[in-house]
N, C-alpha and C. Protein backbone atom coordinates (compact mmCIF):
# COMPACT_ATOMS: atom_id res chain seq x y z
N UNK A 1 -8.48 -17.74 9.73
CA UNK A 1 -9.08 -17.46 8.51
C UNK A 1 -7.93 -17.31 7.66
N UNK A 2 -8.20 -17.80 6.51
CA UNK A 2 -7.16 -18.00 5.44
C UNK A 2 -7.81 -16.94 4.32
N UNK A 3 -6.70 -16.17 3.77
CA UNK A 3 -6.79 -14.82 2.92
C UNK A 3 -5.99 -14.92 1.79
N UNK A 4 -6.56 -14.79 0.26
CA UNK A 4 -5.60 -14.94 -0.76
C UNK A 4 -5.51 -13.50 -1.06
N UNK A 5 -4.22 -12.96 -1.02
CA UNK A 5 -4.06 -11.56 -1.77
C UNK A 5 -3.44 -11.57 -3.03
N UNK A 6 -3.49 -10.51 -3.56
CA UNK A 6 -2.86 -10.36 -4.98
C UNK A 6 -1.46 -9.79 -4.63
N UNK A 7 -0.27 -10.52 -5.21
CA UNK A 7 0.79 -9.74 -5.41
C UNK A 7 1.42 -9.87 -6.73
N UNK A 8 2.49 -9.02 -7.10
CA UNK A 8 2.99 -8.87 -8.16
C UNK A 8 4.58 -8.46 -7.72
N UNK A 9 5.34 -9.15 -8.89
CA UNK A 9 6.64 -8.89 -8.89
C UNK A 9 7.12 -7.79 -9.65
N UNK A 10 7.73 -6.65 -8.99
CA UNK A 10 8.40 -5.44 -9.54
C UNK A 10 9.84 -5.41 -9.27
N UNK A 11 10.63 -5.25 -10.23
CA UNK A 11 12.00 -5.43 -10.38
C UNK A 11 12.54 -6.54 -9.22
N UNK A 12 11.90 -7.81 -9.39
CA UNK A 12 12.59 -8.93 -8.55
C UNK A 12 11.86 -9.09 -7.30
N UNK A 13 11.16 -8.08 -6.91
CA UNK A 13 10.87 -7.98 -5.28
C UNK A 13 8.90 -8.21 -5.08
N UNK A 14 8.46 -8.63 -4.35
CA UNK A 14 7.04 -9.10 -4.29
C UNK A 14 6.20 -7.75 -3.68
N UNK A 15 5.29 -7.11 -4.10
CA UNK A 15 4.80 -6.02 -3.79
C UNK A 15 3.05 -6.54 -3.79
N UNK A 16 2.43 -6.10 -2.69
CA UNK A 16 1.25 -6.27 -2.51
C UNK A 16 0.28 -4.99 -2.33
N UNK A 17 -0.85 -5.01 -2.75
CA UNK A 17 -1.68 -3.77 -2.49
C UNK A 17 -2.00 -3.53 -0.99
N UNK A 18 -1.64 -2.14 -0.59
CA UNK A 18 -1.99 -1.70 0.72
C UNK A 18 -3.47 -1.99 1.32
N UNK A 19 -4.16 -1.48 0.48
CA UNK A 19 -5.66 -2.00 0.78
C UNK A 19 -6.01 -3.17 0.99
N UNK A 20 -5.42 -4.25 0.16
CA UNK A 20 -5.88 -5.47 0.49
C UNK A 20 -5.09 -5.99 1.63
N UNK A 21 -4.17 -5.74 1.91
CA UNK A 21 -3.38 -6.08 3.18
C UNK A 21 -4.14 -5.52 4.42
N UNK A 22 -4.39 -4.35 4.35
CA UNK A 22 -5.17 -3.83 5.62
C UNK A 22 -6.77 -4.24 5.49
N UNK A 23 -7.27 -4.61 4.44
CA UNK A 23 -8.69 -5.14 4.71
C UNK A 23 -8.54 -6.72 5.10
N UNK A 24 -7.52 -7.23 5.04
CA UNK A 24 -7.51 -8.66 5.38
C UNK A 24 -7.14 -8.91 6.99
N UNK A 25 -7.66 -7.56 7.42
CA UNK A 25 -7.20 -7.61 8.97
C UNK A 25 -5.82 -7.53 9.66
N UNK A 26 -5.01 -6.92 8.89
CA UNK A 26 -3.56 -6.72 9.42
C UNK A 26 -3.36 -5.65 10.37
N UNK A 27 -4.42 -5.22 10.76
CA UNK A 27 -4.08 -4.30 11.92
C UNK A 27 -3.86 -2.64 11.52
N UNK A 28 -3.62 -2.10 10.40
CA UNK A 28 -3.36 -0.93 10.04
C UNK A 28 -4.03 0.08 9.46
N UNK A 29 -3.90 1.21 9.76
CA UNK A 29 -4.84 2.41 8.75
C UNK A 29 -3.55 3.10 7.87
N UNK A 30 -4.29 3.68 7.14
CA UNK A 30 -3.40 4.49 6.08
C UNK A 30 -4.04 5.80 6.02
N UNK A 31 -3.33 6.99 6.00
CA UNK A 31 -3.80 8.26 6.13
C UNK A 31 -2.81 9.27 5.21
N UNK A 32 -3.61 9.43 4.12
CA UNK A 32 -2.78 10.60 3.18
C UNK A 32 -2.72 11.99 3.59
N UNK A 33 -1.47 12.64 3.53
CA UNK A 33 -1.58 14.08 3.95
C UNK A 33 -1.16 14.58 2.97
N UNK A 34 -2.14 15.33 1.84
CA UNK A 34 -1.70 15.84 0.51
C UNK A 34 -0.83 17.04 0.63
N UNK A 35 -0.81 17.88 1.44
CA UNK A 35 0.13 19.14 1.84
C UNK A 35 1.60 18.85 1.92
N UNK A 36 1.47 17.55 2.82
CA UNK A 36 3.02 16.72 3.04
C UNK A 36 3.33 15.62 1.97
N UNK A 37 2.63 15.64 1.02
CA UNK A 37 2.71 14.35 0.23
C UNK A 37 3.21 13.12 0.65
N UNK A 38 2.63 12.71 1.62
CA UNK A 38 2.81 11.33 2.60
C UNK A 38 1.74 10.79 3.13
N UNK A 39 2.09 9.43 2.96
CA UNK A 39 0.95 8.35 3.36
C UNK A 39 1.61 7.69 4.63
N UNK A 40 0.72 7.62 5.67
CA UNK A 40 1.27 7.26 6.76
C UNK A 40 0.56 6.15 7.29
N UNK A 41 1.00 5.03 7.81
CA UNK A 41 0.49 3.60 8.15
C UNK A 41 0.61 3.64 9.73
N UNK A 42 -0.47 3.47 10.16
CA UNK A 42 -0.33 3.41 11.70
C UNK A 42 -0.80 1.99 12.44
N UNK A 43 -0.10 1.13 12.82
CA UNK A 43 -0.70 0.07 13.61
C UNK A 43 -1.87 0.14 14.43
N UNK A 44 -2.90 -0.83 14.92
CA UNK A 44 -3.79 -0.86 16.05
C UNK A 44 -4.94 0.01 15.59
N UNK A 45 -4.78 0.76 14.40
CA UNK A 45 -6.08 1.45 13.77
C UNK A 45 -6.98 0.58 12.41
N UNK A 46 -7.99 0.89 12.57
CA UNK A 46 -8.83 0.35 11.26
C UNK A 46 -8.80 0.81 10.23
N UNK A 47 -8.69 0.43 8.83
CA UNK A 47 -8.49 0.79 7.53
C UNK A 47 -10.15 0.99 7.26
N UNK A 48 -10.23 2.21 6.56
CA UNK A 48 -11.37 2.42 6.26
C UNK A 48 -11.33 2.76 4.50
N UNK A 49 -11.85 2.09 3.74
CA UNK A 49 -12.01 2.06 2.44
C UNK A 49 -12.92 3.28 2.22
N UNK A 50 -12.57 4.00 0.93
CA UNK A 50 -13.28 5.37 0.43
C UNK A 50 -13.89 4.84 -0.53
N UNK A 51 -13.65 3.68 -1.30
CA UNK A 51 -14.26 3.50 -2.29
C UNK A 51 -13.83 3.86 -3.82
N UNK A 52 -12.98 4.87 -3.57
CA UNK A 52 -12.13 5.21 -4.83
C UNK A 52 -10.84 4.90 -5.05
N UNK A 53 -10.21 4.27 -4.24
CA UNK A 53 -8.76 3.87 -4.16
C UNK A 53 -8.34 3.37 -5.58
N UNK A 54 -9.15 2.68 -6.57
CA UNK A 54 -8.68 2.20 -7.70
C UNK A 54 -9.06 2.96 -8.93
N UNK A 55 -8.03 3.35 -9.56
CA UNK A 55 -8.48 4.04 -10.91
C UNK A 55 -8.10 3.51 -12.02
N UNK A 56 -8.96 2.73 -12.56
CA UNK A 56 -8.62 1.67 -13.66
C UNK A 56 -8.48 2.44 -15.19
N UNK A 57 -7.78 1.76 -15.86
CA UNK A 57 -7.57 2.38 -17.27
C UNK A 57 -8.38 1.16 -18.08
N UNK A 58 -8.64 1.77 -19.19
CA UNK A 58 -9.72 0.72 -20.30
C UNK A 58 -8.71 0.26 -21.16
N UNK A 59 -7.45 0.18 -21.38
CA UNK A 59 -6.58 -0.28 -22.06
C UNK A 59 -6.42 -1.77 -21.79
N UNK A 60 -6.66 -2.33 -20.78
CA UNK A 60 -6.50 -3.60 -20.31
C UNK A 60 -5.10 -4.07 -20.01
N UNK A 61 -4.08 -3.04 -20.09
CA UNK A 61 -2.65 -3.16 -19.74
C UNK A 61 -2.65 -2.60 -18.12
N UNK A 62 -1.66 -3.03 -17.57
CA UNK A 62 -1.30 -2.53 -16.19
C UNK A 62 -0.25 -1.26 -16.49
N UNK A 63 -0.59 -0.34 -15.91
CA UNK A 63 0.14 0.74 -15.69
C UNK A 63 0.82 0.93 -14.37
N UNK A 64 2.11 1.00 -14.49
CA UNK A 64 3.01 0.79 -13.21
C UNK A 64 3.74 2.02 -13.31
N UNK A 65 3.92 2.77 -11.89
CA UNK A 65 4.85 3.99 -11.87
C UNK A 65 5.13 4.02 -10.60
N UNK A 66 6.14 4.66 -10.26
CA UNK A 66 6.58 4.76 -8.89
C UNK A 66 5.76 5.81 -8.33
N UNK A 67 5.44 5.56 -6.93
CA UNK A 67 4.72 6.65 -6.14
C UNK A 67 5.29 7.70 -5.92
N UNK A 68 4.60 8.73 -5.87
CA UNK A 68 5.52 10.08 -5.85
C UNK A 68 5.16 10.77 -4.37
N UNK A 69 4.80 9.81 -3.24
CA UNK A 69 4.78 10.08 -1.98
C UNK A 69 5.76 9.38 -1.00
N UNK A 70 6.02 9.76 0.14
CA UNK A 70 6.81 9.41 1.12
C UNK A 70 5.67 8.48 1.94
N UNK A 71 6.25 7.21 2.32
CA UNK A 71 5.67 6.48 3.06
C UNK A 71 6.29 6.47 4.61
N UNK A 72 5.23 6.93 5.36
CA UNK A 72 5.49 6.92 6.68
C UNK A 72 5.13 5.72 7.64
N UNK A 73 5.70 5.40 8.48
CA UNK A 73 5.43 4.27 9.42
C UNK A 73 5.20 4.80 10.96
N UNK A 74 4.11 5.12 11.46
CA UNK A 74 3.89 5.67 12.77
C UNK A 74 4.43 7.14 12.59
N UNK A 75 4.19 7.74 11.39
CA UNK A 75 4.82 9.12 11.40
C UNK A 75 6.38 9.49 11.17
N UNK A 76 7.02 8.23 10.94
CA UNK A 76 8.47 8.35 10.74
C UNK A 76 8.50 7.94 9.08
N UNK A 77 9.60 8.70 8.38
CA UNK A 77 9.92 8.15 6.95
C UNK A 77 10.68 6.78 7.05
N UNK A 78 10.28 5.82 6.33
CA UNK A 78 10.48 4.58 6.16
C UNK A 78 11.68 4.38 4.93
N UNK A 79 11.73 5.09 4.14
CA UNK A 79 12.37 5.00 3.14
C UNK A 79 11.78 3.73 2.07
N UNK A 80 10.81 3.25 2.30
CA UNK A 80 10.06 2.27 1.47
C UNK A 80 9.69 2.74 0.06
N UNK A 81 9.78 2.43 -1.03
CA UNK A 81 9.35 2.63 -2.20
C UNK A 81 8.13 1.76 -2.75
N UNK A 82 7.06 2.84 -2.71
CA UNK A 82 5.71 2.24 -3.43
C UNK A 82 5.52 2.48 -4.54
N UNK A 83 4.52 1.58 -5.12
CA UNK A 83 4.33 2.00 -6.76
C UNK A 83 2.91 2.01 -7.09
N UNK A 84 2.36 2.67 -8.00
CA UNK A 84 0.95 2.58 -8.24
C UNK A 84 0.75 1.41 -9.41
N UNK A 85 -0.06 0.85 -9.19
CA UNK A 85 -0.39 -0.21 -10.04
C UNK A 85 -1.89 0.05 -10.61
N UNK A 86 -2.28 0.75 -11.71
CA UNK A 86 -3.24 0.91 -12.16
C UNK A 86 -4.23 1.66 -11.11
N UNK A 87 -3.33 2.87 -10.35
CA UNK A 87 -4.11 3.69 -9.50
C UNK A 87 -3.99 2.82 -8.03
N UNK A 88 -3.68 1.83 -7.88
CA UNK A 88 -3.76 1.02 -6.67
C UNK A 88 -2.27 1.08 -6.11
N UNK A 89 -2.31 1.47 -4.57
CA UNK A 89 -0.77 1.53 -4.15
C UNK A 89 -0.37 0.48 -3.64
N UNK A 90 0.98 -0.11 -4.45
CA UNK A 90 1.55 -1.53 -3.81
C UNK A 90 2.90 -1.13 -2.86
N UNK A 91 2.79 -2.11 -1.95
CA UNK A 91 4.30 -1.52 -1.26
C UNK A 91 4.90 -3.30 -0.92
N UNK A 92 6.35 -3.32 -0.81
CA UNK A 92 6.87 -4.21 -0.55
C UNK A 92 6.34 -5.41 0.41
N UNK A 93 5.92 -6.55 0.03
CA UNK A 93 5.13 -7.45 1.02
C UNK A 93 6.08 -7.33 2.21
N UNK A 94 7.65 -7.92 2.25
CA UNK A 94 8.41 -8.19 3.05
C UNK A 94 8.52 -7.17 4.43
N UNK A 95 8.71 -5.88 3.86
CA UNK A 95 8.78 -4.57 4.55
C UNK A 95 7.38 -4.44 5.32
N UNK A 96 6.04 -4.63 4.63
CA UNK A 96 4.89 -4.59 5.25
C UNK A 96 4.71 -5.70 6.24
N UNK A 97 5.30 -6.98 6.10
CA UNK A 97 5.10 -7.75 7.15
C UNK A 97 5.79 -7.68 8.33
N UNK A 98 7.07 -7.04 8.23
CA UNK A 98 7.89 -6.48 9.25
C UNK A 98 7.18 -5.67 10.16
N UNK A 99 6.38 -4.86 9.50
CA UNK A 99 5.84 -3.48 10.05
C UNK A 99 4.73 -4.25 11.01
N UNK A 100 3.89 -5.03 10.42
CA UNK A 100 2.67 -5.57 11.17
C UNK A 100 2.88 -6.54 12.20
N UNK A 101 4.17 -7.14 12.30
CA UNK A 101 4.33 -8.13 13.06
C UNK A 101 5.31 -7.61 14.52
N UNK A 102 5.77 -6.41 14.17
CA UNK A 102 6.38 -5.69 15.41
C UNK A 102 5.52 -5.65 16.68
């Protein structure tokens, strides 16, 4: 099945919304730990959308800022920098593809 995903260039790198990638059937879940300030991605689990992932701004402009959490892959720190774009988490496309294809 063919899927079209939204991408965005941030500092010359292609980023993609984590939620879109997960919902496209890429086979990973995302769990946020507020106390540890981490977002853990795990392959082989189903992503469950809460419905409040996007916090849109009325200005009509995209608000982009560095994410303030550490991204974990299977519980291990990845060193991958994510960004919030209008409240949605974007991650580097190449790093995500490497993760899901391992």
